């Protein structure tokens, strides 16, 4: 009888531990810096809008932000206050000859305050970690509203 009670007690004690482990693995990822939840407005006519979540990227065409150009399922590799890095499987929708998924890294780095309503974010795209370069020539440039200019209820 004692052994049976002991086994039941062990089961009860181990159940909450297992439940906590399951909750921690299924916990939704969040960006450390909420600035990355904003739509990235292009600073040139060659780059479209970009929408980021911790698990996906959505690129829109340069001429119409309502037309999806590419989508990607991503893994958040780095999640820091001043930058994030994804490893994504991108599917280009509007390029007929490129109908397969492309695996690439995307790093978004907060650069500087370009104007009172524009905090610049640079996007670097590369296939291998060794190819990462923070050269401005290789960056797509975006703009977001600084958090100080946004009401806190949005985040």
N, C-alpha and C. Protein backbone atom coordinates (compact mmCIF):
# COMPACT_ATOMS: atom_id res chain seq x y z
N UNK A 1 0.82 -1.19 0.00
CA UNK A 1 0.00 0.00 0.00
C UNK A 1 0.87 1.26 0.00
N UNK A 2 1.94 1.20 0.77
CA UNK A 2 2.84 2.34 0.82
C UNK A 2 3.47 2.61 -0.54
N UNK A 3 3.86 1.54 -1.23
CA UNK A 3 4.47 1.69 -2.54
C UNK A 3 3.49 2.31 -3.53
N UNK A 4 2.24 1.89 -3.46
CA UNK A 4 1.22 2.44 -4.35
C UNK A 4 1.01 3.93 -4.10
N UNK A 5 0.94 4.31 -2.84
CA UNK A 5 0.80 5.73 -2.49
C UNK A 5 2.04 6.52 -2.94
N UNK A 6 3.19 5.94 -2.80
CA UNK A 6 4.43 6.58 -3.22
C UNK A 6 4.44 6.82 -4.73
N UNK A 7 4.01 5.82 -5.50
CA UNK A 7 3.96 5.93 -6.96
C UNK A 7 2.95 6.99 -7.38
N UNK A 8 1.79 7.01 -6.74
CA UNK A 8 0.76 8.02 -7.05
C UNK A 8 1.28 9.42 -6.73
N UNK A 9 1.97 9.55 -5.60
CA UNK A 9 2.54 10.85 -5.22
C UNK A 9 3.57 11.31 -6.24
N UNK A 10 4.40 10.40 -6.70
CA UNK A 10 5.39 10.75 -7.73
C UNK A 10 4.72 11.20 -9.03
N UNK A 11 3.66 10.52 -9.41
CA UNK A 11 2.93 10.92 -10.62
C UNK A 11 2.36 12.32 -10.49
N UNK A 12 1.76 12.62 -9.34
CA UNK A 12 1.20 13.95 -9.13
C UNK A 12 2.28 15.02 -9.12
N UNK A 13 3.41 14.71 -8.52
CA UNK A 13 4.49 15.69 -8.45
C UNK A 13 5.15 15.91 -9.81
N UNK A 14 5.22 14.88 -10.63
CA UNK A 14 5.88 15.03 -11.93
C UNK A 14 4.98 15.66 -12.98
N UNK A 15 3.67 15.60 -12.83
CA UNK A 15 2.75 16.15 -13.82
C UNK A 15 2.92 17.66 -13.99
N UNK A 16 2.96 18.46 -12.94
CA UNK A 16 3.15 19.92 -13.15
C UNK A 16 4.48 20.24 -13.82
N UNK A 17 5.52 19.50 -13.53
CA UNK A 17 6.82 19.74 -14.16
C UNK A 17 6.73 19.49 -15.65
N UNK A 18 6.09 18.40 -16.05
CA UNK A 18 5.94 18.10 -17.47
C UNK A 18 5.06 19.14 -18.15
N UNK A 19 4.04 19.62 -17.48
CA UNK A 19 3.17 20.64 -18.07
C UNK A 19 3.94 21.93 -18.28
N UNK A 20 4.79 22.31 -17.34
CA UNK A 20 5.59 23.53 -17.51
C UNK A 20 6.54 23.40 -18.68
N UNK A 21 7.15 22.25 -18.86
CA UNK A 21 8.05 22.05 -19.99
C UNK A 21 7.30 22.20 -21.30
N UNK A 22 6.11 21.63 -21.41
CA UNK A 22 5.33 21.72 -22.63
C UNK A 22 4.94 23.17 -22.92
N UNK A 23 4.58 23.93 -21.90
CA UNK A 23 4.21 25.33 -22.10
C UNK A 23 5.38 26.16 -22.58
N UNK A 24 6.56 25.88 -22.09
CA UNK A 24 7.71 26.69 -22.49
C UNK A 24 8.12 26.43 -23.93
N UNK A 25 7.92 25.23 -24.43
CA UNK A 25 8.31 24.95 -25.81
C UNK A 25 7.28 25.47 -26.79
N UNK A 26 6.02 25.55 -26.39
CA UNK A 26 4.99 26.03 -27.31
C UNK A 26 4.78 27.54 -27.18
N UNK A 27 5.52 28.17 -26.29
CA UNK A 27 5.38 29.60 -26.07
C UNK A 27 5.69 30.37 -27.35
N UNK A 28 4.83 31.31 -27.67
CA UNK A 28 5.00 32.09 -28.89
C UNK A 28 6.20 33.03 -28.76
N UNK A 29 7.01 33.08 -29.82
CA UNK A 29 8.15 33.99 -29.82
C UNK A 29 7.66 35.42 -30.04
N UNK A 30 8.37 36.36 -29.47
CA UNK A 30 8.07 37.78 -29.64
C UNK A 30 9.37 38.52 -29.91
N UNK A 31 9.28 39.59 -30.69
CA UNK A 31 10.45 40.43 -30.91
C UNK A 31 10.82 41.13 -29.61
N UNK A 32 12.12 41.21 -29.32
CA UNK A 32 12.58 41.95 -28.15
C UNK A 32 12.21 43.42 -28.31
N UNK A 33 12.37 43.96 -29.51
CA UNK A 33 12.05 45.35 -29.79
C UNK A 33 10.75 45.41 -30.60
N UNK A 34 9.69 46.00 -30.06
CA UNK A 34 8.40 46.03 -30.77
C UNK A 34 8.42 46.87 -32.05
N UNK A 35 9.48 47.60 -32.29
CA UNK A 35 9.59 48.40 -33.51
C UNK A 35 9.51 47.51 -34.76
N UNK A 36 9.95 46.26 -34.64
CA UNK A 36 9.97 45.36 -35.79
C UNK A 36 8.58 44.85 -36.18
N UNK A 37 7.58 45.10 -35.36
CA UNK A 37 6.21 44.72 -35.72
C UNK A 37 5.58 45.70 -36.71
N UNK A 38 6.15 46.87 -36.85
CA UNK A 38 5.59 47.86 -37.77
C UNK A 38 5.85 47.47 -39.21
N UNK A 39 4.96 47.87 -40.13
CA UNK A 39 5.27 47.69 -41.55
C UNK A 39 6.52 48.50 -41.90
N UNK A 40 7.42 47.89 -42.65
CA UNK A 40 8.64 48.59 -43.07
C UNK A 40 8.33 49.32 -44.37
N UNK A 41 8.33 50.65 -44.30
CA UNK A 41 8.05 51.49 -45.47
C UNK A 41 9.32 51.64 -46.28
N UNK A 42 9.26 51.44 -47.59
CA UNK A 42 10.46 51.54 -48.42
C UNK A 42 10.95 52.99 -48.53
N UNK A 43 12.27 53.14 -48.58
CA UNK A 43 12.88 54.46 -48.79
C UNK A 43 13.35 54.65 -50.22
N UNK A 44 13.06 53.70 -51.10
CA UNK A 44 13.39 53.84 -52.51
C UNK A 44 12.30 53.17 -53.34
N UNK A 45 12.31 53.43 -54.62
CA UNK A 45 11.27 52.86 -55.49
C UNK A 45 11.61 51.44 -55.95
N UNK A 46 12.76 50.94 -55.57
CA UNK A 46 13.15 49.58 -55.98
C UNK A 46 12.83 48.54 -54.90
N UNK A 47 12.41 49.00 -53.74
CA UNK A 47 12.10 48.11 -52.62
C UNK A 47 10.62 48.27 -52.29
N UNK A 48 9.96 47.15 -52.01
CA UNK A 48 8.56 47.21 -51.61
C UNK A 48 8.42 47.20 -50.10
N UNK A 49 7.19 47.23 -49.65
CA UNK A 49 6.89 47.16 -48.23
C UNK A 49 7.24 45.78 -47.70
N UNK A 50 7.62 45.70 -46.43
CA UNK A 50 7.91 44.42 -45.79
C UNK A 50 7.15 44.36 -44.46
N UNK A 51 6.55 43.20 -44.21
CA UNK A 51 5.82 42.95 -42.98
C UNK A 51 6.46 41.75 -42.30
N UNK A 52 6.85 41.93 -41.02
CA UNK A 52 7.57 40.90 -40.29
C UNK A 52 6.75 40.38 -39.11
N UNK A 53 6.85 39.09 -38.86
CA UNK A 53 6.42 38.49 -37.61
C UNK A 53 7.59 37.63 -37.15
N UNK A 54 7.58 37.14 -35.93
CA UNK A 54 8.70 36.29 -35.50
C UNK A 54 8.85 34.99 -36.29
N UNK A 55 7.85 34.62 -37.09
CA UNK A 55 7.93 33.37 -37.85
C UNK A 55 7.71 33.54 -39.35
N UNK A 56 7.57 34.78 -39.83
CA UNK A 56 7.29 34.95 -41.26
C UNK A 56 7.71 36.33 -41.77
N UNK A 57 7.84 36.39 -43.09
CA UNK A 57 8.10 37.65 -43.81
C UNK A 57 7.11 37.72 -44.95
N UNK A 58 6.63 38.92 -45.21
CA UNK A 58 5.68 39.16 -46.29
C UNK A 58 6.18 40.40 -47.04
N UNK A 59 6.59 40.22 -48.28
CA UNK A 59 7.07 41.33 -49.09
C UNK A 59 5.97 41.77 -50.07
N UNK A 60 5.80 43.07 -50.21
CA UNK A 60 4.82 43.63 -51.12
C UNK A 60 5.53 44.32 -52.27
N UNK A 61 4.82 44.57 -53.38
CA UNK A 61 5.44 45.19 -54.54
C UNK A 61 5.76 46.66 -54.26
N UNK A 62 6.75 47.23 -54.94
CA UNK A 62 7.10 48.63 -54.72
C UNK A 62 5.97 49.61 -55.09
N UNK A 63 5.17 49.28 -56.08
CA UNK A 63 4.15 50.21 -56.54
C UNK A 63 2.82 50.09 -55.80
N UNK A 64 2.55 48.94 -55.18
CA UNK A 64 1.27 48.74 -54.50
C UNK A 64 1.47 47.84 -53.29
N UNK A 65 1.32 48.41 -52.10
CA UNK A 65 1.55 47.62 -50.89
C UNK A 65 0.47 46.58 -50.63
N UNK A 66 -0.58 46.57 -51.45
CA UNK A 66 -1.63 45.57 -51.31
C UNK A 66 -1.37 44.31 -52.13
N UNK A 67 -0.35 44.34 -52.99
CA UNK A 67 -0.02 43.18 -53.82
C UNK A 67 1.18 42.45 -53.22
N UNK A 68 0.97 41.19 -52.86
CA UNK A 68 2.04 40.38 -52.26
C UNK A 68 3.01 39.96 -53.34
N UNK A 69 4.28 40.20 -53.09
CA UNK A 69 5.35 39.85 -54.03
C UNK A 69 6.01 38.52 -53.65
N UNK A 70 6.18 38.31 -52.34
CA UNK A 70 6.81 37.09 -51.85
C UNK A 70 6.41 36.87 -50.40
N UNK A 71 6.43 35.61 -50.00
CA UNK A 71 6.17 35.27 -48.60
C UNK A 71 7.22 34.27 -48.15
N UNK A 72 7.40 34.20 -46.85
CA UNK A 72 8.38 33.27 -46.33
C UNK A 72 8.05 32.79 -44.93
N UNK A 73 8.34 31.52 -44.70
CA UNK A 73 8.28 30.95 -43.36
C UNK A 73 9.69 31.04 -42.79
N UNK A 74 9.79 31.54 -41.58
CA UNK A 74 11.11 31.87 -41.04
C UNK A 74 11.35 31.31 -39.64
N UNK A 75 12.63 31.20 -39.35
CA UNK A 75 13.09 30.89 -38.00
C UNK A 75 13.84 32.12 -37.52
N UNK A 76 13.49 32.61 -36.34
CA UNK A 76 14.15 33.78 -35.78
C UNK A 76 15.47 33.34 -35.16
N UNK A 77 16.58 33.67 -35.84
CA UNK A 77 17.91 33.22 -35.43
C UNK A 77 18.51 34.16 -34.38
N UNK A 78 18.35 35.46 -34.56
CA UNK A 78 18.81 36.46 -33.60
C UNK A 78 17.66 37.39 -33.30
N UNK A 79 17.55 37.78 -32.03
CA UNK A 79 16.45 38.63 -31.60
C UNK A 79 16.99 39.60 -30.57
N UNK A 80 17.55 40.69 -31.05
CA UNK A 80 18.19 41.67 -30.17
C UNK A 80 17.44 43.00 -30.24
N UNK A 81 17.77 43.92 -29.37
CA UNK A 81 17.13 45.22 -29.33
C UNK A 81 17.38 46.02 -30.61
N UNK A 82 18.59 45.94 -31.16
CA UNK A 82 18.95 46.77 -32.32
C UNK A 82 18.93 46.02 -33.65
N UNK A 83 18.72 44.69 -33.62
CA UNK A 83 18.66 43.93 -34.88
C UNK A 83 17.99 42.57 -34.68
N UNK A 84 17.49 42.04 -35.80
CA UNK A 84 16.93 40.68 -35.81
C UNK A 84 17.46 39.98 -37.05
N UNK A 85 17.57 38.68 -36.97
CA UNK A 85 17.99 37.87 -38.12
C UNK A 85 17.06 36.68 -38.26
N UNK A 86 16.60 36.46 -39.49
CA UNK A 86 15.76 35.32 -39.83
C UNK A 86 16.51 34.39 -40.77
N UNK A 87 16.15 33.12 -40.74
CA UNK A 87 16.50 32.18 -41.80
C UNK A 87 15.17 31.76 -42.39
N UNK A 88 14.94 32.10 -43.67
CA UNK A 88 13.61 31.95 -44.27
C UNK A 88 13.62 31.11 -45.53
N UNK A 89 12.51 30.43 -45.74
CA UNK A 89 12.20 29.79 -47.02
C UNK A 89 11.24 30.74 -47.72
N UNK A 90 11.74 31.43 -48.75
CA UNK A 90 10.97 32.46 -49.45
C UNK A 90 10.38 31.88 -50.73
N UNK A 91 9.12 32.19 -50.96
CA UNK A 91 8.46 31.84 -52.21
C UNK A 91 8.09 33.13 -52.92
N UNK A 92 8.66 33.34 -54.10
CA UNK A 92 8.35 34.53 -54.91
C UNK A 92 7.12 34.23 -55.74
N UNK A 93 6.12 35.10 -55.66
CA UNK A 93 4.84 34.85 -56.29
C UNK A 93 4.71 35.47 -57.68
N UNK A 94 5.40 36.56 -57.92
CA UNK A 94 5.21 37.30 -59.18
C UNK A 94 6.35 37.12 -60.17
N UNK A 95 7.21 36.14 -59.92
CA UNK A 95 8.32 35.88 -60.83
C UNK A 95 8.13 34.47 -61.38
N UNK A 96 7.69 34.38 -62.63
CA UNK A 96 7.32 33.09 -63.22
C UNK A 96 8.48 32.10 -63.27
N UNK A 97 9.68 32.58 -63.58
CA UNK A 97 10.81 31.67 -63.72
C UNK A 97 11.39 31.24 -62.38
N UNK A 98 10.97 31.89 -61.29
CA UNK A 98 11.48 31.54 -59.96
C UNK A 98 10.33 30.97 -59.13
N UNK A 99 9.94 29.75 -59.43
CA UNK A 99 8.78 29.18 -58.76
C UNK A 99 9.15 28.17 -57.67
N UNK A 100 10.36 28.24 -57.18
CA UNK A 100 10.76 27.35 -56.10
C UNK A 100 11.14 28.18 -54.87
N UNK A 101 11.16 27.52 -53.73
CA UNK A 101 11.53 28.22 -52.50
C UNK A 101 13.02 28.51 -52.49
N UNK A 102 13.37 29.66 -51.95
CA UNK A 102 14.76 30.08 -51.81
C UNK A 102 15.04 30.25 -50.33
N UNK A 103 16.10 29.61 -49.83
CA UNK A 103 16.47 29.73 -48.41
C UNK A 103 17.52 30.83 -48.28
N UNK A 104 17.18 31.86 -47.46
CA UNK A 104 18.08 33.00 -47.27
C UNK A 104 17.99 33.52 -45.85
N UNK A 105 19.06 34.21 -45.45
CA UNK A 105 19.08 34.94 -44.20
C UNK A 105 18.63 36.37 -44.48
N UNK A 106 17.88 36.92 -43.55
CA UNK A 106 17.47 38.32 -43.61
C UNK A 106 17.80 38.95 -42.27
N UNK A 107 18.64 39.98 -42.29
CA UNK A 107 18.99 40.69 -41.07
C UNK A 107 18.46 42.12 -41.19
N UNK A 108 17.76 42.56 -40.17
CA UNK A 108 17.21 43.91 -40.11
C UNK A 108 17.90 44.64 -38.97
N UNK A 109 18.55 45.77 -39.30
CA UNK A 109 19.34 46.51 -38.33
C UNK A 109 18.79 47.93 -38.21
N UNK A 110 18.54 48.36 -36.98
CA UNK A 110 18.11 49.74 -36.75
C UNK A 110 19.34 50.62 -36.89
N UNK A 111 19.27 51.61 -37.78
CA UNK A 111 20.44 52.45 -38.05
C UNK A 111 20.38 53.80 -37.34
N UNK A 112 19.49 54.69 -37.76
CA UNK A 112 19.49 56.03 -37.19
C UNK A 112 18.15 56.70 -37.42
N UNK A 113 17.98 57.85 -36.78
CA UNK A 113 16.78 58.65 -36.96
C UNK A 113 16.98 59.52 -38.19
N UNK A 114 16.30 59.18 -39.26
CA UNK A 114 16.44 59.85 -40.55
C UNK A 114 15.66 61.16 -40.56
N UNK A 115 14.50 61.16 -39.94
CA UNK A 115 13.67 62.35 -39.76
C UNK A 115 12.82 62.10 -38.51
N UNK A 116 12.09 63.09 -38.02
CA UNK A 116 11.30 62.87 -36.80
C UNK A 116 10.31 61.70 -36.91
N UNK A 117 9.85 61.39 -38.12
CA UNK A 117 8.89 60.30 -38.31
C UNK A 117 9.51 59.08 -38.98
N UNK A 118 10.82 59.05 -39.10
CA UNK A 118 11.45 57.94 -39.83
C UNK A 118 12.71 57.45 -39.12
N UNK A 119 12.58 56.27 -38.53
CA UNK A 119 13.73 55.56 -37.98
C UNK A 119 14.16 54.58 -39.06
N UNK A 120 15.39 54.72 -39.54
CA UNK A 120 15.84 53.87 -40.65
C UNK A 120 16.20 52.47 -40.18
N UNK A 121 15.75 51.50 -40.98
CA UNK A 121 16.10 50.10 -40.77
C UNK A 121 16.68 49.58 -42.07
N UNK A 122 17.84 48.95 -41.97
CA UNK A 122 18.50 48.38 -43.14
C UNK A 122 18.27 46.88 -43.16
N UNK A 123 18.00 46.36 -44.36
CA UNK A 123 17.81 44.92 -44.56
C UNK A 123 18.99 44.37 -45.34
N UNK A 124 19.61 43.34 -44.79
CA UNK A 124 20.70 42.64 -45.47
C UNK A 124 20.22 41.23 -45.79
N UNK A 125 20.42 40.81 -47.04
CA UNK A 125 20.01 39.48 -47.48
C UNK A 125 21.24 38.72 -47.93
N UNK A 126 21.37 37.46 -47.49
CA UNK A 126 22.54 36.66 -47.85
C UNK A 126 22.20 35.19 -47.70
N UNK A 127 22.92 34.35 -48.45
CA UNK A 127 22.65 32.91 -48.45
C UNK A 127 23.41 32.17 -47.35
N UNK A 128 24.61 32.62 -47.03
CA UNK A 128 25.44 31.95 -46.03
C UNK A 128 25.86 32.97 -44.97
N UNK A 129 26.01 32.51 -43.75
CA UNK A 129 26.40 33.40 -42.65
C UNK A 129 27.72 34.10 -42.97
N UNK A 130 28.63 33.39 -43.64
CA UNK A 130 29.94 33.96 -43.98
C UNK A 130 29.81 35.14 -44.96
N UNK A 131 28.71 35.22 -45.69
CA UNK A 131 28.52 36.27 -46.69
C UNK A 131 27.94 37.57 -46.11
N UNK A 132 27.63 37.58 -44.82
CA UNK A 132 27.02 38.76 -44.21
C UNK A 132 27.96 39.96 -44.25
N UNK A 133 27.46 41.05 -44.79
CA UNK A 133 28.22 42.29 -44.88
C UNK A 133 27.29 43.44 -44.53
N UNK A 134 27.76 44.38 -43.73
CA UNK A 134 26.96 45.54 -43.39
C UNK A 134 27.29 46.72 -44.28
N UNK A 135 27.67 46.45 -45.51
CA UNK A 135 27.95 47.48 -46.50
C UNK A 135 26.64 48.12 -46.94
N UNK A 136 26.55 49.43 -46.88
CA UNK A 136 25.32 50.16 -47.21
C UNK A 136 24.87 49.90 -48.64
N UNK A 137 25.79 49.62 -49.54
CA UNK A 137 25.43 49.36 -50.93
C UNK A 137 24.59 48.10 -51.07
N UNK A 138 24.73 47.17 -50.15
CA UNK A 138 24.04 45.89 -50.24
C UNK A 138 22.77 45.85 -49.38
N UNK A 139 22.36 46.99 -48.85
CA UNK A 139 21.22 47.02 -47.94
C UNK A 139 20.01 47.65 -48.61
N UNK A 140 18.85 47.06 -48.35
CA UNK A 140 17.59 47.70 -48.69
C UNK A 140 17.25 48.58 -47.49
N UNK A 141 16.75 49.76 -47.75
CA UNK A 141 16.50 50.71 -46.66
C UNK A 141 15.01 50.96 -46.49
N UNK A 142 14.61 50.89 -45.22
CA UNK A 142 13.21 51.07 -44.85
C UNK A 142 13.08 52.15 -43.79
N UNK A 143 11.84 52.48 -43.51
CA UNK A 143 11.53 53.50 -42.52
C UNK A 143 10.39 53.00 -41.64
N UNK A 144 10.47 53.25 -40.33
CA UNK A 144 9.38 52.99 -39.40
C UNK A 144 9.22 54.21 -38.51
N UNK A 145 8.08 54.33 -37.88
CA UNK A 145 7.84 55.44 -36.96
C UNK A 145 8.51 55.12 -35.63
N UNK A 146 9.31 56.05 -35.09
CA UNK A 146 9.94 55.79 -33.79
C UNK A 146 8.88 55.53 -32.72
N UNK A 147 9.17 54.65 -31.79
CA UNK A 147 8.20 54.31 -30.75
C UNK A 147 7.80 55.51 -29.92
N UNK A 148 8.69 56.49 -29.78
CA UNK A 148 8.36 57.68 -29.00
C UNK A 148 7.24 58.49 -29.65
N UNK A 149 6.99 58.27 -30.95
CA UNK A 149 5.92 58.98 -31.66
C UNK A 149 4.65 58.16 -31.80
N UNK A 150 4.60 57.00 -31.15
CA UNK A 150 3.44 56.11 -31.24
C UNK A 150 2.86 55.96 -29.84
N UNK A 151 1.53 55.93 -29.75
CA UNK A 151 0.92 55.74 -28.44
C UNK A 151 1.24 54.34 -27.94
N UNK A 152 1.44 54.20 -26.65
CA UNK A 152 1.86 52.92 -26.08
C UNK A 152 0.78 51.85 -26.14
N UNK A 153 -0.47 52.23 -26.36
CA UNK A 153 -1.54 51.24 -26.42
C UNK A 153 -1.45 50.37 -27.66
N UNK A 154 -0.68 50.78 -28.68
CA UNK A 154 -0.53 49.96 -29.89
C UNK A 154 0.39 48.77 -29.64
N UNK A 155 1.21 48.82 -28.63
CA UNK A 155 2.16 47.75 -28.35
C UNK A 155 1.97 47.35 -26.93
